[in-house]
Amino acid sequence: MPTNEQLSRLLDPATTALLTVECQQGVVGPQSALPELADAARASGALTNVARLVAAAHVGGVQVLHAVAERRPDGRGASHNARLFKAAAKLPVQQLSGTTAVRIAAPIEVAEEDFVVRRLHGLSPIAGTGVDALLRNIGCRTLLVTGVSANVAIPNAVFDAVNLGYTAVVPADAIAGVPADYTSAMVRHTLALVATVTSTEEVLAVWQRPRRLRPAQRLRPV
């Protein structure tokens, strides 16, 4: 774990962005296409911690991005080159564009200033999605990665962020995967090698120190 001073430098609101990965109703909500993953995200407290971090980011002036995975009803543009994609296409709940399944799940709130980045293909919330350009345009140097799953999308996001020159920070209690104990193994043996691993409480402690805030932000549904 980094020291408080190190974390404070890394998480400067002026140069930090918070990324939520696939925290959408069709993935982590009550009607999830992946109930085991949804249960893990909720039972572990990861989804609640993502919501707490997003709320603190809104108050503290940290840019928030929500990465959503979806597909067109006709499937055009979707990837078909892995077993995961073929299995997803057969699930009873589909992440179809414009449906409730691709809305951000409670208790996470979306502010007017947030970016919602939607992808139709691939495994990564960053590669080929426009996230990199958005981050560079806002002067981001540190990317805080949260959400699901620790099996696929989270490591993809961390690796892509590092390869693009960002410092990745992962609150270990704000990500989830299946089986539940796989998440801690992924953090310990893989993510800790390339990212700064921390906790929700440590991030909140940094962001909740007094500082000049942005104008009040209005919340809107996504």
C-alpha atoms as a PDB file:
ATOM      1  CA  MET A   1       0.000   0.000   0.000  1.00  0.00           C
ATOM      2  CA  PRO A   2       1.281   3.520  -0.780  1.00  0.00           C
ATOM      3  CA  THR A   3       1.832   6.061   1.982  1.00  0.00           C
ATOM      4  CA  ASN A   4      -0.777   8.760   2.465  1.00  0.00           C
ATOM      5  CA  GLU A   5       1.626  11.327   1.048  1.00  0.00           C
ATOM      6  CA  GLN A   6       2.290   9.230  -2.063  1.00  0.00           C
ATOM      7  CA  LEU A   7      -1.404   8.647  -2.608  1.00  0.00           C
ATOM      8  CA  SER A   8      -2.156  12.339  -2.189  1.00  0.00           C
ATOM      9  CA  ARG A   9       0.300  13.178  -4.954  1.00  0.00           C
ATOM     10  CA  LEU A  10      -1.091  10.486  -7.246  1.00  0.00           C
ATOM     11  CA  LEU A  11      -4.736  11.428  -6.703  1.00  0.00           C
ATOM     12  CA  ASP A  12      -4.546  15.164  -7.266  1.00  0.00           C
ATOM     13  CA  PRO A  13      -8.090  15.989  -8.497  1.00  0.00           C
ATOM     14  CA  ALA A  14      -6.680  18.226 -11.233  1.00  0.00           C
ATOM     15  CA  THR A  15      -4.879  15.316 -12.900  1.00  0.00           C
ATOM     16  CA  THR A  16      -6.930  12.294 -11.822  1.00  0.00           C
ATOM     17  CA  ALA A  17      -9.912  10.595 -13.411  1.00  0.00           C
ATOM     18  CA  LEU A  18     -12.136   7.843 -12.014  1.00  0.00           C
ATOM     19  CA  LEU A  19     -13.192   5.068 -14.381  1.00  0.00           C
ATOM     20  CA  THR A  20     -16.112   2.765 -13.573  1.00  0.00           C
ATOM     21  CA  VAL A  21     -16.081  -0.385 -15.688  1.00  0.00           C
ATOM     22  CA  GLU A  22     -19.293  -2.146 -16.737  1.00  0.00           C
ATOM     23  CA  CYS A  23     -21.195  -1.021 -13.638  1.00  0.00           C
ATOM     24  CA  GLN A  24     -24.410  -1.320 -15.632  1.00  0.00           C
ATOM     25  CA  GLN A  25     -27.735  -2.848 -14.710  1.00  0.00           C
ATOM     26  CA  GLY A  26     -27.390  -5.789 -17.092  1.00  0.00           C
ATOM     27  CA  VAL A  27     -24.073  -6.755 -15.475  1.00  0.00           C
ATOM     28  CA  VAL A  28     -24.258  -5.864 -11.768  1.00  0.00           C
ATOM     29  CA  GLY A  29     -27.948  -5.045 -11.354  1.00  0.00           C
ATOM     30  CA  PRO A  30     -30.751  -7.278  -9.988  1.00  0.00           C
ATOM     31  CA  GLN A  31     -31.602  -8.541 -13.501  1.00  0.00           C
ATOM     32  CA  SER A  32     -27.986  -9.225 -14.451  1.00  0.00           C
ATOM     33  CA  ALA A  33     -27.031 -11.465 -17.344  1.00  0.00           C
ATOM     34  CA  LEU A  34     -24.229 -12.645 -15.043  1.00  0.00           C
ATOM     35  CA  PRO A  35     -25.875 -13.221 -11.647  1.00  0.00           C
ATOM     36  CA  GLU A  36     -22.788 -14.747 -10.056  1.00  0.00           C
ATOM     37  CA  LEU A  37     -20.759 -11.662 -10.920  1.00  0.00           C
ATOM     38  CA  ALA A  38     -23.554  -9.358  -9.784  1.00  0.00           C
ATOM     39  CA  ASP A  39     -23.777 -11.218  -6.474  1.00  0.00           C
ATOM     40  CA  ALA A  40     -20.007 -10.958  -6.006  1.00  0.00           C
ATOM     41  CA  ALA A  41     -20.028  -7.218  -6.736  1.00  0.00           C
ATOM     42  CA  ARG A  42     -22.752  -6.621  -4.189  1.00  0.00           C
ATOM     43  CA  ALA A  43     -21.816  -9.137  -1.492  1.00  0.00           C
ATOM     44  CA  SER A  44     -18.196  -8.002  -1.443  1.00  0.00           C
ATOM     45  CA  GLY A  45     -19.210  -4.364  -1.090  1.00  0.00           C
ATOM     46  CA  ALA A  46     -17.411  -3.491  -4.327  1.00  0.00           C
ATOM     47  CA  LEU A  47     -20.455  -1.887  -5.957  1.00  0.00           C
ATOM     48  CA  THR A  48     -21.171   0.183  -2.863  1.00  0.00           C
ATOM     49  CA  ASN A  49     -17.541   1.272  -2.763  1.00  0.00           C
ATOM     50  CA  VAL A  50     -17.651   2.305  -6.417  1.00  0.00           C
ATOM     51  CA  ALA A  51     -20.688   4.427  -5.608  1.00  0.00           C
ATOM     52  CA  ARG A  52     -18.887   6.019  -2.655  1.00  0.00           C
ATOM     53  CA  LEU A  53     -15.859   6.827  -4.789  1.00  0.00           C
ATOM     54  CA  VAL A  54     -18.024   8.316  -7.545  1.00  0.00           C
ATOM     55  CA  ALA A  55     -19.880  10.486  -5.035  1.00  0.00           C
ATOM     56  CA  ALA A  56     -16.593  11.716  -3.563  1.00  0.00           C
ATOM     57  CA  ALA A  57     -15.213  12.389  -7.038  1.00  0.00           C
ATOM     58  CA  HIS A  58     -18.252  14.517  -7.869  1.00  0.00           C
ATOM     59  CA  VAL A  59     -17.782  16.577  -4.745  1.00  0.00           C
ATOM     60  CA  GLY A  60     -14.004  16.804  -5.049  1.00  0.00           C
ATOM     61  CA  GLY A  61     -13.823  17.827  -8.684  1.00  0.00           C
ATOM     62  CA  VAL A  62     -12.452  14.557 -10.060  1.00  0.00           C
ATOM     63  CA  GLN A  63     -13.575  13.698 -13.585  1.00  0.00           C
ATOM     64  CA  VAL A  64     -15.662  10.507 -13.741  1.00  0.00           C
ATOM     65  CA  LEU A  65     -15.950   8.234 -16.762  1.00  0.00           C
ATOM     66  CA  HIS A  66     -18.387   5.318 -16.994  1.00  0.00           C
ATOM     67  CA  ALA A  67     -17.362   2.575 -19.433  1.00  0.00           C
ATOM     68  CA  VAL A  68     -20.367   0.639 -20.714  1.00  0.00           C
ATOM     69  CA  ALA A  69     -20.316  -2.521 -22.838  1.00  0.00           C
ATOM     70  CA  GLU A  70     -23.263  -2.896 -25.175  1.00  0.00           C
ATOM     71  CA  ARG A  71     -24.322  -4.354 -28.502  1.00  0.00           C
ATOM     72  CA  ARG A  72     -26.684  -3.415 -31.297  1.00  0.00           C
ATOM     73  CA  PRO A  73     -29.858  -5.512 -31.652  1.00  0.00           C
ATOM     74  CA  ASP A  74     -28.564  -6.762 -35.005  1.00  0.00           C
ATOM     75  CA  GLY A  75     -25.125  -7.529 -33.547  1.00  0.00           C
ATOM     76  CA  ARG A  76     -23.294  -5.509 -36.179  1.00  0.00           C
ATOM     77  CA  GLY A  77     -19.814  -4.445 -35.101  1.00  0.00           C
ATOM     78  CA  ALA A  78     -19.684  -6.896 -32.209  1.00  0.00           C
ATOM     79  CA  SER A  79     -16.642  -9.106 -31.704  1.00  0.00           C
ATOM     80  CA  HIS A  80     -16.954 -12.842 -32.433  1.00  0.00           C
ATOM     81  CA  ASN A  81     -13.347 -13.992 -32.095  1.00  0.00           C
ATOM     82  CA  ALA A  82     -13.448 -15.430 -28.554  1.00  0.00           C
ATOM     83  CA  ARG A  83     -15.556 -17.898 -26.583  1.00  0.00           C
ATOM     84  CA  LEU A  84     -16.599 -15.108 -24.225  1.00  0.00           C
ATOM     85  CA  PHE A  85     -18.331 -13.159 -27.010  1.00  0.00           C
ATOM     86  CA  LYS A  86     -20.160 -16.226 -28.293  1.00  0.00           C
ATOM     87  CA  ALA A  87     -21.342 -17.103 -24.792  1.00  0.00           C
ATOM     88  CA  ALA A  88     -22.496 -13.528 -24.133  1.00  0.00           C
ATOM     89  CA  ALA A  89     -24.594 -13.556 -27.302  1.00  0.00           C
ATOM     90  CA  LYS A  90     -26.609 -16.470 -25.878  1.00  0.00           C
ATOM     91  CA  LEU A  91     -27.322 -14.997 -22.453  1.00  0.00           C
ATOM     92  CA  PRO A  92     -30.980 -14.358 -21.522  1.00  0.00           C
ATOM     93  CA  VAL A  93     -30.232 -10.701 -20.737  1.00  0.00           C
ATOM     94  CA  GLN A  94     -28.583  -8.790 -23.583  1.00  0.00           C
ATOM     95  CA  GLN A  95     -26.687  -5.508 -23.180  1.00  0.00           C
ATOM     96  CA  LEU A  96     -28.612  -3.858 -26.003  1.00  0.00           C
ATOM     97  CA  SER A  97     -28.053  -0.197 -26.821  1.00  0.00           C
ATOM     98  CA  GLY A  98     -30.775   2.050 -25.402  1.00  0.00           C
ATOM     99  CA  THR A  99     -32.180  -0.515 -22.970  1.00  0.00           C
ATOM    100  CA  THR A 100     -32.274  -0.552 -19.187  1.00  0.00           C
ATOM    101  CA  ALA A 101     -29.454  -3.129 -19.189  1.00  0.00           C
ATOM    102  CA  VAL A 102     -26.900  -0.533 -20.266  1.00  0.00           C
ATOM    103  CA  ARG A 103     -27.889   2.109 -17.723  1.00  0.00           C
ATOM    104  CA  ILE A 104     -25.539   2.671 -14.794  1.00  0.00           C
ATOM    105  CA  ALA A 105     -26.662   0.562 -11.849  1.00  0.00           C
ATOM    106  CA  ALA A 106     -27.711   1.849  -8.447  1.00  0.00           C
ATOM    107  CA  PRO A 107     -26.376   2.990  -6.082  1.00  0.00           C
ATOM    108  CA  ILE A 108     -23.936   4.728  -8.467  1.00  0.00           C
ATOM    109  CA  GLU A 109     -25.065   8.219  -9.437  1.00  0.00           C
ATOM    110  CA  VAL A 110     -24.167   9.863 -12.725  1.00  0.00           C
ATOM    111  CA  ALA A 111     -23.498  13.595 -12.830  1.00  0.00           C
ATOM    112  CA  GLU A 112     -24.019  15.908 -15.778  1.00  0.00           C
ATOM    113  CA  GLU A 113     -20.252  16.381 -16.013  1.00  0.00           C
ATOM    114  CA  ASP A 114     -19.503  12.653 -16.248  1.00  0.00           C
ATOM    115  CA  PHE A 115     -18.466  10.998 -19.495  1.00  0.00           C
ATOM    116  CA  VAL A 116     -20.336   7.837 -20.486  1.00  0.00           C
ATOM    117  CA  VAL A 117     -18.276   5.886 -23.019  1.00  0.00           C
ATOM    118  CA  ARG A 118     -20.030   3.029 -24.790  1.00  0.00           C
ATOM    119  CA  ARG A 119     -18.306   0.269 -26.737  1.00  0.00           C
ATOM    120  CA  LEU A 120     -19.699  -2.270 -29.180  1.00  0.00           C
ATOM    121  CA  HIS A 121     -16.671  -4.514 -29.473  1.00  0.00           C
ATOM    122  CA  GLY A 122     -13.649  -5.962 -27.730  1.00  0.00           C
ATOM    123  CA  LEU A 123     -12.696  -6.578 -24.133  1.00  0.00           C
ATOM    124  CA  SER A 124     -11.165  -3.268 -23.089  1.00  0.00           C
ATOM    125  CA  PRO A 125     -12.899  -0.185 -21.696  1.00  0.00           C
ATOM    126  CA  ILE A 126     -10.027   1.907 -23.110  1.00  0.00           C
ATOM    127  CA  ALA A 127      -8.623   0.472 -26.349  1.00  0.00           C
ATOM    128  CA  GLY A 128     -10.620   1.668 -29.345  1.00  0.00           C
ATOM    129  CA  THR A 129     -13.204   3.517 -27.244  1.00  0.00           C
ATOM    130  CA  GLY A 130     -12.062   7.145 -27.230  1.00  0.00           C
ATOM    131  CA  VAL A 131     -11.277   7.085 -23.503  1.00  0.00           C
ATOM    132  CA  ASP A 132      -7.596   7.850 -24.104  1.00  0.00           C
ATOM    133  CA  ALA A 133      -8.400  11.029 -26.044  1.00  0.00           C
ATOM    134  CA  LEU A 134     -10.835  12.180 -23.370  1.00  0.00           C
ATOM    135  CA  LEU A 135      -8.279  11.595 -20.620  1.00  0.00           C
ATOM    136  CA  ARG A 136      -5.550  13.487 -22.465  1.00  0.00           C
ATOM    137  CA  ASN A 137      -7.892  16.377 -23.227  1.00  0.00           C
ATOM    138  CA  ILE A 138      -8.669  16.849 -19.530  1.00  0.00           C
ATOM    139  CA  GLY A 139      -5.017  16.597 -18.520  1.00  0.00           C
ATOM    140  CA  CYS A 140      -5.319  13.259 -16.748  1.00  0.00           C
ATOM    141  CA  ARG A 141      -2.171  11.542 -15.507  1.00  0.00           C
ATOM    142  CA  THR A 142      -3.651   9.113 -12.966  1.00  0.00           C
ATOM    143  CA  LEU A 143      -6.537   6.759 -13.723  1.00  0.00           C
ATOM    144  CA  LEU A 144      -8.436   5.198 -10.833  1.00  0.00           C
ATOM    145  CA  VAL A 145      -9.950   1.930 -12.082  1.00  0.00           C
ATOM    146  CA  THR A 146     -13.062   0.425 -10.464  1.00  0.00           C
ATOM    147  CA  GLY A 147     -15.860  -1.982 -11.349  1.00  0.00           C
ATOM    148  CA  VAL A 148     -16.027  -5.413 -12.974  1.00  0.00           C
ATOM    149  CA  SER A 149     -14.777  -7.836 -13.801  1.00  0.00           C
ATOM    150  CA  ALA A 150     -11.455  -8.657 -12.210  1.00  0.00           C
ATOM    151  CA  ASN A 151     -11.368 -11.583 -14.638  1.00  0.00           C
ATOM    152  CA  VAL A 152     -11.253  -9.632 -17.903  1.00  0.00           C
ATOM    153  CA  ALA A 153     -12.204  -5.951 -18.222  1.00  0.00           C
ATOM    154  CA  ILE A 154     -10.392  -4.620 -15.136  1.00  0.00           C
ATOM    155  CA  PRO A 155      -6.959  -6.053 -16.034  1.00  0.00           C
ATOM    156  CA  ASN A 156      -7.523  -4.915 -19.616  1.00  0.00           C
ATOM    157  CA  ALA A 157      -8.182  -1.371 -18.403  1.00  0.00           C
ATOM    158  CA  VAL A 158      -5.158  -1.352 -16.108  1.00  0.00           C
ATOM    159  CA  PHE A 159      -2.782  -2.740 -18.742  1.00  0.00           C
ATOM    160  CA  ASP A 160      -4.054  -0.317 -21.386  1.00  0.00           C
ATOM    161  CA  ALA A 161      -3.757   2.648 -19.024  1.00  0.00           C
ATOM    162  CA  VAL A 162      -0.179   1.746 -18.149  1.00  0.00           C
ATOM    163  CA  ASN A 163       0.760   1.134 -21.787  1.00  0.00           C
ATOM    164  CA  LEU A 164      -0.624   4.560 -22.681  1.00  0.00           C
ATOM    165  CA  GLY A 165       1.494   6.259 -20.024  1.00  0.00           C
ATOM    166  CA  TYR A 166      -1.036   6.786 -17.238  1.00  0.00           C
ATOM    167  CA  THR A 167      -0.473   5.800 -13.626  1.00  0.00           C
ATOM    168  CA  ALA A 168      -3.114   3.238 -12.716  1.00  0.00           C
ATOM    169  CA  VAL A 169      -4.561   3.129  -9.206  1.00  0.00           C
ATOM    170  CA  VAL A 170      -6.801   0.245  -8.135  1.00  0.00           C
ATOM    171  CA  PRO A 171      -8.871   0.302  -4.925  1.00  0.00           C
ATOM    172  CA  ALA A 172      -8.880  -3.460  -4.333  1.00  0.00           C
ATOM    173  CA  ASP A 173     -12.227  -3.364  -2.527  1.00  0.00           C
ATOM    174  CA  ALA A 174     -13.929  -1.528  -5.426  1.00  0.00           C
ATOM    175  CA  ILE A 175     -13.460  -4.272  -8.031  1.00  0.00           C
ATOM    176  CA  ALA A 176     -15.049  -7.721  -8.228  1.00  0.00           C
ATOM    177  CA  GLY A 177     -14.774 -10.941 -10.181  1.00  0.00           C
ATOM    178  CA  VAL A 178     -15.719 -14.605 -10.018  1.00  0.00           C
ATOM    179  CA  PRO A 179     -15.091 -16.724  -8.130  1.00  0.00           C
ATOM    180  CA  ALA A 180     -14.844 -14.211  -5.309  1.00  0.00           C
ATOM    181  CA  ASP A 181     -11.372 -15.272  -4.199  1.00  0.00           C
ATOM    182  CA  TYR A 182     -10.039 -14.802  -7.720  1.00  0.00           C
ATOM    183  CA  THR A 183     -10.182 -11.027  -7.278  1.00  0.00           C
ATOM    184  CA  SER A 184      -7.663 -10.972  -4.447  1.00  0.00           C
ATOM    185  CA  ALA A 185      -5.381 -13.308  -6.403  1.00  0.00           C
ATOM    186  CA  MET A 186      -5.580 -11.087  -9.475  1.00  0.00           C
ATOM    187  CA  VAL A 187      -4.761  -8.014  -7.378  1.00  0.00           C
ATOM    188  CA  ARG A 188      -1.880  -9.645  -5.529  1.00  0.00           C
ATOM    189  CA  HIS A 189      -0.211 -11.495  -8.372  1.00  0.00           C
ATOM    190  CA  THR A 190      -0.953  -9.300 -11.399  1.00  0.00           C
ATOM    191  CA  LEU A 191      -2.394  -5.843 -10.836  1.00  0.00           C
ATOM    192  CA  ALA A 192      -0.011  -4.999  -7.985  1.00  0.00           C
ATOM    193  CA  LEU A 193       2.878  -5.412 -10.419  1.00  0.00           C
ATOM    194  CA  VAL A 194       1.696  -2.581 -12.664  1.00  0.00           C
ATOM    195  CA  ALA A 195      -0.721  -0.465 -10.614  1.00  0.00           C
ATOM    196  CA  THR A 196      -0.811   1.262  -7.240  1.00  0.00           C
ATOM    197  CA  VAL A 197      -3.123  -0.840  -5.089  1.00  0.00           C
ATOM    198  CA  THR A 198      -5.056   0.953  -2.377  1.00  0.00           C
ATOM    199  CA  SER A 199      -8.476   0.897  -0.686  1.00  0.00           C
ATOM    200  CA  THR A 200     -11.677   2.908  -0.923  1.00  0.00           C
ATOM    201  CA  GLU A 201     -11.146   4.396   2.529  1.00  0.00           C
ATOM    202  CA  GLU A 202      -7.649   5.595   1.650  1.00  0.00           C
ATOM    203  CA  VAL A 203      -8.861   7.258  -1.538  1.00  0.00           C
ATOM    204  CA  LEU A 204     -11.746   8.915   0.285  1.00  0.00           C
ATOM    205  CA  ALA A 205      -9.375  10.181   2.967  1.00  0.00           C
ATOM    206  CA  VAL A 206      -7.343  11.946   0.272  1.00  0.00           C
ATOM    207  CA  TRP A 207     -10.296  13.423  -1.595  1.00  0.00           C
ATOM    208  CA  GLN A 208     -12.225  14.540   1.472  1.00  0.00           C
ATOM    209  CA  ARG A 209      -9.569  16.964   2.605  1.00  0.00           C
ATOM    210  CA  PRO A 210     -10.661  20.607   2.233  1.00  0.00           C
ATOM    211  CA  ARG A 211     -10.079  21.993  -1.274  1.00  0.00           C
ATOM    212  CA  ARG A 212     -11.710  24.318  -3.731  1.00  0.00           C
ATOM    213  CA  LEU A 213     -14.695  22.542  -5.268  1.00  0.00           C
ATOM    214  CA  ARG A 214     -16.275  22.684  -8.678  1.00  0.00           C
ATOM    215  CA  PRO A 215     -19.763  24.193  -9.044  1.00  0.00           C
ATOM    216  CA  ALA A 216     -22.540  21.991  -7.738  1.00  0.00           C
ATOM    217  CA  GLN A 217     -23.265  19.117 -10.090  1.00  0.00           C
ATOM    218  CA  ARG A 218     -26.729  17.991 -11.087  1.00  0.00           C
ATOM    219  CA  LEU A 219     -27.458  14.313 -11.321  1.00  0.00           C
ATOM    220  CA  ARG A 220     -29.136  12.751 -14.348  1.00  0.00           C
ATOM    221  CA  PRO A 221     -30.149   9.206 -15.324  1.00  0.00           C
ATOM    222  CA  VAL A 222     -28.077   7.296 -17.851  1.00  0.00           C
END
